[in-house]
Amino acid sequence: MVSVGVRDLKDQLSLYLQFVKNGESVIVTEHDKVIAEISTPRYPHESKVETELQRLSRKGVIILAKRNTSCVPLPETAVPGEKIDWFTMYDEVREDSV
């Protein structure tokens, strides 16, 4: 567990977030009084879509993709290096056809 004052936390936030990424908890103090604790989330954060896909996969209804990237070409409006997911592309296609 790491302890840090508010001013030092503000000045070196990236350093203390690295401690959190490595599994440490960071205690934040103000005038030697504990005011906050920063730690990794207790529950993994997933979107509703990801949660539903996991549920359907467990039931055997779908098989999840094994790769993280798509072979689908990016739309012409995409910025080079920008990541875009299939749902965003799907929405754009649907908006064009409506």
PDB file of N, CA and C in Angstrom:
ATOM      1  N   MET A   1       0.844  -1.161   0.000  1.00  0.00           N
ATOM      2  CA  MET A   1       0.000   0.000   0.000  1.00  0.00           C
ATOM      3  C   MET A   1       0.899   1.237   0.000  1.00  0.00           C
ATOM      4  N   VAL A   2       0.565   2.189  -0.857  1.00  0.00           N
ATOM      5  CA  VAL A   2       1.339   3.409  -1.009  1.00  0.00           C
ATOM      6  C   VAL A   2       0.494   4.573  -0.511  1.00  0.00           C
ATOM      7  N   SER A   3       1.120   5.515   0.180  1.00  0.00           N
ATOM      8  CA  SER A   3       0.421   6.686   0.677  1.00  0.00           C
ATOM      9  C   SER A   3       0.997   7.929   0.015  1.00  0.00           C
ATOM     10  N   VAL A   4       0.127   8.882  -0.352  1.00  0.00           N
ATOM     11  CA  VAL A   4       0.572  10.088  -1.044  1.00  0.00           C
ATOM     12  C   VAL A   4      -0.336  11.253  -0.673  1.00  0.00           C
ATOM     13  N   GLY A   5       0.249  12.434  -0.589  1.00  0.00           N
ATOM     14  CA  GLY A   5      -0.527  13.644  -0.362  1.00  0.00           C
ATOM     15  C   GLY A   5      -1.197  14.100  -1.650  1.00  0.00           C
ATOM     16  N   VAL A   6      -2.225  14.922  -1.510  1.00  0.00           N
ATOM     17  CA  VAL A   6      -2.993  15.386  -2.664  1.00  0.00           C
ATOM     18  C   VAL A   6      -2.093  16.103  -3.670  1.00  0.00           C
ATOM     19  N   ARG A   7      -1.242  17.001  -3.190  1.00  0.00           N
ATOM     20  CA  ARG A   7      -0.384  17.780  -4.089  1.00  0.00           C
ATOM     21  C   ARG A   7       0.568  16.872  -4.865  1.00  0.00           C
ATOM     22  N   ASP A   8       1.198  15.928  -4.178  1.00  0.00           N
ATOM     23  CA  ASP A   8       2.106  15.007  -4.866  1.00  0.00           C
ATOM     24  C   ASP A   8       1.351  14.114  -5.848  1.00  0.00           C
ATOM     25  N   LEU A   9       0.157  13.715  -5.477  1.00  0.00           N
ATOM     26  CA  LEU A   9      -0.655  12.889  -6.385  1.00  0.00           C
ATOM     27  C   LEU A   9      -0.949  13.659  -7.663  1.00  0.00           C
ATOM     28  N   LYS A  10      -1.331  14.924  -7.508  1.00  0.00           N
ATOM     29  CA  LYS A  10      -1.640  15.750  -8.668  1.00  0.00           C
ATOM     30  C   LYS A  10      -0.404  15.933  -9.550  1.00  0.00           C
ATOM     31  N   ASP A  11       0.751  16.148  -8.931  1.00  0.00           N
ATOM     32  CA  ASP A  11       1.981  16.386  -9.687  1.00  0.00           C
ATOM     33  C   ASP A  11       2.503  15.132 -10.384  1.00  0.00           C
ATOM     34  N   GLN A  12       2.243  13.957  -9.809  1.00  0.00           N
ATOM     35  CA  GLN A  12       2.796  12.716 -10.355  1.00  0.00           C
ATOM     36  C   GLN A  12       1.723  11.645 -10.509  1.00  0.00           C
ATOM     37  N   LEU A  13       0.586  12.036 -11.051  1.00  0.00           N
ATOM     38  CA  LEU A  13      -0.547  11.114 -11.170  1.00  0.00           C
ATOM     39  C   LEU A  13      -0.185   9.845 -11.941  1.00  0.00           C
ATOM     40  N   SER A  14       0.535   9.982 -13.042  1.00  0.00           N
ATOM     41  CA  SER A  14       0.890   8.807 -13.855  1.00  0.00           C
ATOM     42  C   SER A  14       1.675   7.776 -13.048  1.00  0.00           C
ATOM     43  N   LEU A  15       2.582   8.244 -12.216  1.00  0.00           N
ATOM     44  CA  LEU A  15       3.376   7.341 -11.391  1.00  0.00           C
ATOM     45  C   LEU A  15       2.483   6.543 -10.449  1.00  0.00           C
ATOM     46  N   TYR A  16       1.556   7.213  -9.776  1.00  0.00           N
ATOM     47  CA  TYR A  16       0.691   6.531  -8.820  1.00  0.00           C
ATOM     48  C   TYR A  16      -0.332   5.635  -9.511  1.00  0.00           C
ATOM     49  N   LEU A  17      -0.769   6.004 -10.705  1.00  0.00           N
ATOM     50  CA  LEU A  17      -1.664   5.117 -11.460  1.00  0.00           C
ATOM     51  C   LEU A  17      -0.921   3.853 -11.890  1.00  0.00           C
ATOM     52  N   GLN A  18       0.372   3.966 -12.123  1.00  0.00           N
ATOM     53  CA  GLN A  18       1.164   2.774 -12.447  1.00  0.00           C
ATOM     54  C   GLN A  18       1.205   1.821 -11.262  1.00  0.00           C
ATOM     55  N   PHE A  19       1.306   2.364 -10.042  1.00  0.00           N
ATOM     56  CA  PHE A  19       1.233   1.517  -8.847  1.00  0.00           C
ATOM     57  C   PHE A  19      -0.098   0.757  -8.828  1.00  0.00           C
ATOM     58  N   VAL A  20      -1.186   1.465  -9.141  1.00  0.00           N
ATOM     59  CA  VAL A  20      -2.514   0.833  -9.138  1.00  0.00           C
ATOM     60  C   VAL A  20      -2.583  -0.255 -10.198  1.00  0.00           C
ATOM     61  N   LYS A  21      -2.050   0.024 -11.390  1.00  0.00           N
ATOM     62  CA  LYS A  21      -2.033  -0.985 -12.452  1.00  0.00           C
ATOM     63  C   LYS A  21      -1.270  -2.231 -12.030  1.00  0.00           C
ATOM     64  N   ASN A  22      -0.263  -2.047 -11.181  1.00  0.00           N
ATOM     65  CA  ASN A  22       0.536  -3.179 -10.704  1.00  0.00           C
ATOM     66  C   ASN A  22      -0.084  -3.863  -9.493  1.00  0.00           C
ATOM     67  N   GLY A  23      -1.304  -3.470  -9.118  1.00  0.00           N
ATOM     68  CA  GLY A  23      -2.020  -4.152  -8.043  1.00  0.00           C
ATOM     69  C   GLY A  23      -1.915  -3.495  -6.676  1.00  0.00           C
ATOM     70  N   GLU A  24      -1.191  -2.393  -6.571  1.00  0.00           N
ATOM     71  CA  GLU A  24      -1.074  -1.680  -5.296  1.00  0.00           C
ATOM     72  C   GLU A  24      -2.299  -0.803  -5.058  1.00  0.00           C
ATOM     73  N   SER A  25      -2.591  -0.547  -3.810  1.00  0.00           N
ATOM     74  CA  SER A  25      -3.600   0.456  -3.454  1.00  0.00           C
ATOM     75  C   SER A  25      -2.862   1.727  -3.086  1.00  0.00           C
ATOM     76  N   VAL A  26      -3.423   2.868  -3.483  1.00  0.00           N
ATOM     77  CA  VAL A  26      -2.821   4.162  -3.169  1.00  0.00           C
ATOM     78  C   VAL A  26      -3.759   4.900  -2.216  1.00  0.00           C
ATOM     79  N   ILE A  27      -3.247   5.237  -1.046  1.00  0.00           N
ATOM     80  CA  ILE A  27      -4.003   5.986  -0.049  1.00  0.00           C
ATOM     81  C   ILE A  27      -3.697   7.464  -0.254  1.00  0.00           C
ATOM     82  N   VAL A  28      -4.726   8.284  -0.402  1.00  0.00           N
ATOM     83  CA  VAL A  28      -4.560   9.719  -0.620  1.00  0.00           C
ATOM     84  C   VAL A  28      -4.843  10.439   0.691  1.00  0.00           C
ATOM     85  N   THR A  29      -3.901  11.321   1.080  1.00  0.00           N
ATOM     86  CA  THR A  29      -4.049  12.057   2.339  1.00  0.00           C
ATOM     87  C   THR A  29      -4.071  13.557   2.089  1.00  0.00           C
ATOM     88  N   GLU A  30      -4.714  14.248   3.003  1.00  0.00           N
ATOM     89  CA  GLU A  30      -4.731  15.707   2.994  1.00  0.00           C
ATOM     90  C   GLU A  30      -4.538  16.154   4.431  1.00  0.00           C
ATOM     91  N   HIS A  31      -3.467  16.878   4.697  1.00  0.00           N
ATOM     92  CA  HIS A  31      -3.122  17.298   6.061  1.00  0.00           C
ATOM     93  C   HIS A  31      -3.061  16.088   6.997  1.00  0.00           C
ATOM     94  N   ASP A  32      -2.400  15.033   6.523  1.00  0.00           N
ATOM     95  CA  ASP A  32      -2.195  13.792   7.278  1.00  0.00           C
ATOM     96  C   ASP A  32      -3.493  13.055   7.624  1.00  0.00           C
ATOM     97  N   LYS A  33      -4.568  13.359   6.924  1.00  0.00           N
ATOM     98  CA  LYS A  33      -5.847  12.668   7.128  1.00  0.00           C
ATOM     99  C   LYS A  33      -6.193  11.920   5.840  1.00  0.00           C
ATOM    100  N   VAL A  34      -6.527  10.650   5.954  1.00  0.00           N
ATOM    101  CA  VAL A  34      -6.886   9.839   4.781  1.00  0.00           C
ATOM    102  C   VAL A  34      -8.213  10.338   4.222  1.00  0.00           C
ATOM    103  N   ILE A  35      -8.210  10.643   2.910  1.00  0.00           N
ATOM    104  CA  ILE A  35      -9.445  11.130   2.288  1.00  0.00           C
ATOM    105  C   ILE A  35      -9.925  10.231   1.146  1.00  0.00           C
ATOM    106  N   ALA A  36      -9.036   9.375   0.629  1.00  0.00           N
ATOM    107  CA  ALA A  36      -9.451   8.517  -0.487  1.00  0.00           C
ATOM    108  C   ALA A  36      -8.502   7.332  -0.629  1.00  0.00           C
ATOM    109  N   GLU A  37      -8.980   6.330  -1.354  1.00  0.00           N
ATOM    110  CA  GLU A  37      -8.160   5.183  -1.703  1.00  0.00           C
ATOM    111  C   GLU A  37      -8.376   4.887  -3.178  1.00  0.00           C
ATOM    112  N   ILE A  38      -7.295   4.713  -3.902  1.00  0.00           N
ATOM    113  CA  ILE A  38      -7.368   4.375  -5.324  1.00  0.00           C
ATOM    114  C   ILE A  38      -6.895   2.934  -5.469  1.00  0.00           C
ATOM    115  N   SER A  39      -7.722   2.111  -6.108  1.00  0.00           N
ATOM    116  CA  SER A  39      -7.350   0.714  -6.327  1.00  0.00           C
ATOM    117  C   SER A  39      -8.006   0.228  -7.607  1.00  0.00           C
ATOM    118  N   THR A  40      -7.626  -0.959  -8.035  1.00  0.00           N
ATOM    119  CA  THR A  40      -8.230  -1.534  -9.232  1.00  0.00           C
ATOM    120  C   THR A  40      -9.703  -1.835  -8.951  1.00  0.00           C
ATOM    121  N   PRO A  41     -10.547  -1.848  -9.981  1.00  0.00           N
ATOM    122  CA  PRO A  41     -11.967  -2.133  -9.769  1.00  0.00           C
ATOM    123  C   PRO A  41     -12.171  -3.509  -9.163  1.00  0.00           C
ATOM    124  N   ARG A  42     -13.138  -3.630  -8.294  1.00  0.00           N
ATOM    125  CA  ARG A  42     -13.439  -4.929  -7.672  1.00  0.00           C
ATOM    126  C   ARG A  42     -14.124  -5.866  -8.645  1.00  0.00           C
ATOM    127  N   TYR A  43     -14.895  -5.299  -9.545  1.00  0.00           N
ATOM    128  CA  TYR A  43     -15.621  -6.099 -10.525  1.00  0.00           C
ATOM    129  C   TYR A  43     -15.158  -5.676 -11.909  1.00  0.00           C
ATOM    130  N   PRO A  44     -14.876  -6.639 -12.788  1.00  0.00           N
ATOM    131  CA  PRO A  44     -14.457  -6.259 -14.139  1.00  0.00           C
ATOM    132  C   PRO A  44     -15.548  -5.483 -14.848  1.00  0.00           C
ATOM    133  N   HIS A  45     -15.139  -4.442 -15.546  1.00  0.00           N
ATOM    134  CA  HIS A  45     -16.104  -3.601 -16.249  1.00  0.00           C
ATOM    135  C   HIS A  45     -16.309  -4.145 -17.660  1.00  0.00           C
ATOM    136  N   GLU A  46     -17.532  -4.479 -17.988  1.00  0.00           N
ATOM    137  CA  GLU A  46     -17.866  -4.931 -19.329  1.00  0.00           C
ATOM    138  C   GLU A  46     -19.112  -4.186 -19.779  1.00  0.00           C
ATOM    139  N   SER A  47     -19.192  -3.931 -21.057  1.00  0.00           N
ATOM    140  CA  SER A  47     -20.381  -3.289 -21.587  1.00  0.00           C
ATOM    141  C   SER A  47     -21.531  -4.298 -21.603  1.00  0.00           C
ATOM    142  N   LYS A  48     -22.731  -3.812 -21.803  1.00  0.00           N
ATOM    143  CA  LYS A  48     -23.898  -4.696 -21.860  1.00  0.00           C
ATOM    144  C   LYS A  48     -23.776  -5.679 -23.019  1.00  0.00           C
ATOM    145  N   VAL A  49     -23.206  -5.210 -24.131  1.00  0.00           N
ATOM    146  CA  VAL A  49     -23.041  -6.082 -25.293  1.00  0.00           C
ATOM    147  C   VAL A  49     -22.066  -7.208 -24.965  1.00  0.00           C
ATOM    148  N   GLU A  50     -20.924  -6.865 -24.349  1.00  0.00           N
ATOM    149  CA  GLU A  50     -19.940  -7.886 -23.995  1.00  0.00           C
ATOM    150  C   GLU A  50     -20.521  -8.893 -23.008  1.00  0.00           C
ATOM    151  N   THR A  51     -21.276  -8.406 -22.041  1.00  0.00           N
ATOM    152  CA  THR A  51     -21.901  -9.289 -21.059  1.00  0.00           C
ATOM    153  C   THR A  51     -22.871 -10.252 -21.735  1.00  0.00           C
ATOM    154  N   GLU A  52     -23.674  -9.733 -22.646  1.00  0.00           N
ATOM    155  CA  GLU A  52     -24.644 -10.582 -23.351  1.00  0.00           C
ATOM    156  C   GLU A  52     -23.934 -11.598 -24.245  1.00  0.00           C
ATOM    157  N   LEU A  53     -22.871 -11.177 -24.926  1.00  0.00           N
ATOM    158  CA  LEU A  53     -22.119 -12.111 -25.759  1.00  0.00           C
ATOM    159  C   LEU A  53     -21.509 -13.226 -24.918  1.00  0.00           C
ATOM    160  N   GLN A  54     -20.972 -12.893 -23.752  1.00  0.00           N
ATOM    161  CA  GLN A  54     -20.425 -13.910 -22.856  1.00  0.00           C
ATOM    162  C   GLN A  54     -21.505 -14.886 -22.410  1.00  0.00           C
ATOM    163  N   ARG A  55     -22.695 -14.369 -22.096  1.00  0.00           N
ATOM    164  CA  ARG A  55     -23.808 -15.214 -21.650  1.00  0.00           C
ATOM    165  C   ARG A  55     -24.216 -16.186 -22.766  1.00  0.00           C
ATOM    166  N   LEU A  56     -24.349 -15.649 -23.984  1.00  0.00           N
ATOM    167  CA  LEU A  56     -24.742 -16.493 -25.112  1.00  0.00           C
ATOM    168  C   LEU A  56     -23.673 -17.539 -25.427  1.00  0.00           C
ATOM    169  N   SER A  57     -22.414 -17.172 -25.244  1.00  0.00           N
ATOM    170  CA  SER A  57     -21.324 -18.123 -25.468  1.00  0.00           C
ATOM    171  C   SER A  57     -21.372 -19.260 -24.453  1.00  0.00           C
ATOM    172  N   ARG A  58     -21.629 -18.935 -23.188  1.00  0.00           N
ATOM    173  CA  ARG A  58     -21.718 -19.974 -22.155  1.00  0.00           C
ATOM    174  C   ARG A  58     -22.865 -20.935 -22.429  1.00  0.00           C
ATOM    175  N   LYS A  59     -23.971 -20.416 -22.996  1.00  0.00           N
ATOM    176  CA  LYS A  59     -25.117 -21.262 -23.315  1.00  0.00           C
ATOM    177  C   LYS A  59     -24.880 -22.082 -24.580  1.00  0.00           C
ATOM    178  N   GLY A  60     -23.816 -21.761 -25.334  1.00  0.00           N
ATOM    179  CA  GLY A  60     -23.538 -22.489 -26.561  1.00  0.00           C
ATOM    180  C   GLY A  60     -24.300 -21.969 -27.759  1.00  0.00           C
ATOM    181  N   VAL A  61     -24.921 -20.809 -27.633  1.00  0.00           N
ATOM    182  CA  VAL A  61     -25.690 -20.230 -28.734  1.00  0.00           C
ATOM    183  C   VAL A  61     -24.764 -19.633 -29.785  1.00  0.00           C
ATOM    184  N   ILE A  62     -23.662 -19.023 -29.351  1.00  0.00           N
ATOM    185  CA  ILE A  62     -22.697 -18.431 -30.271  1.00  0.00           C
ATOM    186  C   ILE A  62     -21.295 -18.905 -29.904  1.00  0.00           C
ATOM    187  N   ILE A  63     -20.378 -18.713 -30.832  1.00  0.00           N
ATOM    188  CA  ILE A  63     -18.960 -18.966 -30.587  1.00  0.00           C
ATOM    189  C   ILE A  63     -18.253 -17.631 -30.752  1.00  0.00           C
ATOM    190  N   LEU A  64     -17.540 -17.216 -29.723  1.00  0.00           N
ATOM    191  CA  LEU A  64     -16.839 -15.937 -29.769  1.00  0.00           C
ATOM    192  C   LEU A  64     -15.632 -16.016 -30.695  1.00  0.00           C
ATOM    193  N   ALA A  65     -15.320 -14.899 -31.346  1.00  0.00           N
ATOM    194  CA  ALA A  65     -14.148 -14.821 -32.220  1.00  0.00           C
ATOM    195  C   ALA A  65     -12.880 -15.006 -31.404  1.00  0.00           C
ATOM    196  N   LYS A  66     -11.877 -15.600 -32.027  1.00  0.00           N
ATOM    197  CA  LYS A  66     -10.614 -15.825 -31.331  1.00  0.00           C
ATOM    198  C   LYS A  66      -9.635 -14.683 -31.544  1.00  0.00           C
ATOM    199  N   ARG A  67      -9.891 -13.808 -32.488  1.00  0.00           N
ATOM    200  CA  ARG A  67      -8.983 -12.693 -32.738  1.00  0.00           C
ATOM    201  C   ARG A  67      -9.660 -11.379 -32.323  1.00  0.00           C
ATOM    202  N   ASN A  68      -8.829 -10.386 -32.059  1.00  0.00           N
ATOM    203  CA  ASN A  68      -9.353  -9.102 -31.618  1.00  0.00           C
ATOM    204  C   ASN A  68      -9.558  -8.116 -32.760  1.00  0.00           C
ATOM    205  N   THR A  69      -8.993  -8.396 -33.914  1.00  0.00           N
ATOM    206  CA  THR A  69      -9.108  -7.461 -35.024  1.00  0.00           C
ATOM    207  C   THR A  69     -10.054  -8.000 -36.069  1.00  0.00           C
ATOM    208  N   SER A  70     -10.536  -7.133 -36.903  1.00  0.00           N
ATOM    209  CA  SER A  70     -11.478  -7.514 -37.938  1.00  0.00           C
ATOM    210  C   SER A  70     -10.830  -7.388 -39.307  1.00  0.00           C
ATOM    211  N   CYS A  71     -11.262  -8.200 -40.246  1.00  0.00           N
ATOM    212  CA  CYS A  71     -10.770  -8.115 -41.615  1.00  0.00           C
ATOM    213  C   CYS A  71     -11.603  -7.147 -42.447  1.00  0.00           C
ATOM    214  N   VAL A  72     -12.616  -6.574 -41.855  1.00  0.00           N
ATOM    215  CA  VAL A  72     -13.493  -5.653 -42.559  1.00  0.00           C
ATOM    216  C   VAL A  72     -12.752  -4.337 -42.776  1.00  0.00           C
ATOM    217  N   PRO A  73     -12.743  -3.812 -44.015  1.00  0.00           N
ATOM    218  CA  PRO A  73     -12.052  -2.542 -44.238  1.00  0.00           C
ATOM    219  C   PRO A  73     -12.750  -1.408 -43.488  1.00  0.00           C
ATOM    220  N   LEU A  74     -11.949  -0.444 -43.054  1.00  0.00           N
ATOM    221  CA  LEU A  74     -12.505   0.701 -42.335  1.00  0.00           C
ATOM    222  C   LEU A  74     -13.255   1.607 -43.300  1.00  0.00           C
ATOM    223  N   PRO A  75     -14.260   2.317 -42.802  1.00  0.00           N
ATOM    224  CA  PRO A  75     -14.977   3.256 -43.669  1.00  0.00           C
ATOM    225  C   PRO A  75     -14.043   4.367 -44.147  1.00  0.00           C
ATOM    226  N   GLU A  76     -14.410   5.014 -45.240  1.00  0.00           N
ATOM    227  CA  GLU A  76     -13.578   6.083 -45.800  1.00  0.00           C
ATOM    228  C   GLU A  76     -13.423   7.244 -44.830  1.00  0.00           C
ATOM    229  N   THR A  77     -14.367   7.410 -43.922  1.00  0.00           N
ATOM    230  CA  THR A  77     -14.326   8.525 -42.981  1.00  0.00           C
ATOM    231  C   THR A  77     -13.407   8.256 -41.800  1.00  0.00           C
ATOM    232  N   ALA A  78     -12.859   7.040 -41.686  1.00  0.00           N
ATOM    233  CA  ALA A  78     -12.026   6.682 -40.538  1.00  0.00           C
ATOM    234  C   ALA A  78     -10.694   7.416 -40.577  1.00  0.00           C
ATOM    235  N   VAL A  79     -10.225   7.788 -39.417  1.00  0.00           N
ATOM    236  CA  VAL A  79      -8.925   8.449 -39.274  1.00  0.00           C
ATOM    237  C   VAL A  79      -7.864   7.357 -39.168  1.00  0.00           C
ATOM    238  N   PRO A  80      -6.730   7.492 -39.901  1.00  0.00           N
ATOM    239  CA  PRO A  80      -5.682   6.464 -39.813  1.00  0.00           C
ATOM    240  C   PRO A  80      -5.238   6.258 -38.363  1.00  0.00           C
ATOM    241  N   GLY A  81      -5.127   5.007 -37.945  1.00  0.00           N
ATOM    242  CA  GLY A  81      -4.721   4.672 -36.593  1.00  0.00           C
ATOM    243  C   GLY A  81      -5.876   4.635 -35.601  1.00  0.00           C
ATOM    244  N   GLU A  82      -7.039   5.122 -36.005  1.00  0.00           N
ATOM    245  CA  GLU A  82      -8.203   5.135 -35.125  1.00  0.00           C
ATOM    246  C   GLU A  82      -8.794   3.735 -35.072  1.00  0.00           C
ATOM    247  N   LYS A  83      -9.177   3.308 -33.888  1.00  0.00           N
ATOM    248  CA  LYS A  83      -9.823   2.009 -33.742  1.00  0.00           C
ATOM    249  C   LYS A  83     -11.328   2.212 -33.864  1.00  0.00           C
ATOM    250  N   ILE A  84     -11.974   1.285 -34.549  1.00  0.00           N
ATOM    251  CA  ILE A  84     -13.420   1.358 -34.717  1.00  0.00           C
ATOM    252  C   ILE A  84     -13.967  -0.056 -34.551  1.00  0.00           C
ATOM    253  N   ASP A  85     -15.062  -0.188 -33.852  1.00  0.00           N
ATOM    254  CA  ASP A  85     -15.603  -1.523 -33.625  1.00  0.00           C
ATOM    255  C   ASP A  85     -16.722  -1.811 -34.630  1.00  0.00           C
ATOM    256  N   TRP A  86     -17.081  -3.061 -34.731  1.00  0.00           N
ATOM    257  CA  TRP A  86     -18.068  -3.473 -35.720  1.00  0.00           C
ATOM    258  C   TRP A  86     -19.424  -2.849 -35.451  1.00  0.00           C
ATOM    259  N   PHE A  87     -19.769  -2.624 -34.188  1.00  0.00           N
ATOM    260  CA  PHE A  87     -21.087  -2.077 -33.873  1.00  0.00           C
ATOM    261  C   PHE A  87     -21.212  -0.641 -34.381  1.00  0.00           C
ATOM    262  N   THR A  88     -20.135   0.127 -34.272  1.00  0.00           N
ATOM    263  CA  THR A  88     -20.132   1.494 -34.794  1.00  0.00           C
ATOM    264  C   THR A  88     -20.303   1.470 -36.303  1.00  0.00           C
ATOM    265  N   MET A  89     -19.570   0.579 -36.973  1.00  0.00           N
ATOM    266  CA  MET A  89     -19.701   0.466 -38.418  1.00  0.00           C
ATOM    267  C   MET A  89     -21.112   0.037 -38.802  1.00  0.00           C
ATOM    268  N   TYR A  90     -21.679  -0.899 -38.056  1.00  0.00           N
ATOM    269  CA  TYR A  90     -23.039  -1.377 -38.323  1.00  0.00           C
ATOM    270  C   TYR A  90     -24.035  -0.228 -38.224  1.00  0.00           C
ATOM    271  N   ASP A  91     -23.899   0.581 -37.164  1.00  0.00           N
ATOM    272  CA  ASP A  91     -24.794   1.716 -36.996  1.00  0.00           C
ATOM    273  C   ASP A  91     -24.681   2.702 -38.154  1.00  0.00           C
ATOM    274  N   GLU A  92     -23.448   2.955 -38.615  1.00  0.00           N
ATOM    275  CA  GLU A  92     -23.246   3.871 -39.737  1.00  0.00           C
ATOM    276  C   GLU A  92     -23.910   3.345 -41.005  1.00  0.00           C
ATOM    277  N   VAL A  93     -23.782   2.051 -41.244  1.00  0.00           N
ATOM    278  CA  VAL A  93     -24.396   1.447 -42.442  1.00  0.00           C
ATOM    279  C   VAL A  93     -25.909   1.532 -42.349  1.00  0.00           C
ATOM    280  N   ARG A  94     -26.461   1.257 -41.176  1.00  0.00           N
ATOM    281  CA  ARG A  94     -27.918   1.318 -41.002  1.00  0.00           C
ATOM    282  C   ARG A  94     -28.446   2.728 -41.185  1.00  0.00           C
ATOM    283  N   GLU A  95     -27.699   3.735 -40.691  1.00  0.00           N
ATOM    284  CA  GLU A  95     -28.126   5.118 -40.857  1.00  0.00           C
ATOM    285  C   GLU A  95     -28.149   5.526 -42.315  1.00  0.00           C
ATOM    286  N   ASP A  96     -27.197   4.997 -43.119  1.00  0.00           N
ATOM    287  CA  ASP A  96     -27.141   5.328 -44.528  1.00  0.00           C
ATOM    288  C   ASP A  96     -28.330   4.743 -45.285  1.00  0.00           C
ATOM    289  N   SER A  97     -28.821   3.583 -44.860  1.00  0.00           N
ATOM    290  CA  SER A  97     -29.882   2.913 -45.601  1.00  0.00           C
ATOM    291  C   SER A  97     -31.286   3.330 -45.179  1.00  0.00           C
ATOM    292  N   VAL A  98     -31.394   4.037 -44.080  1.00  0.00           N
ATOM    293  CA  VAL A  98     -32.721   4.419 -43.580  1.00  0.00           C
ATOM    294  C   VAL A  98     -33.176   5.706 -44.190  1.00  0.00           C
TER     295      VAL A  98
END
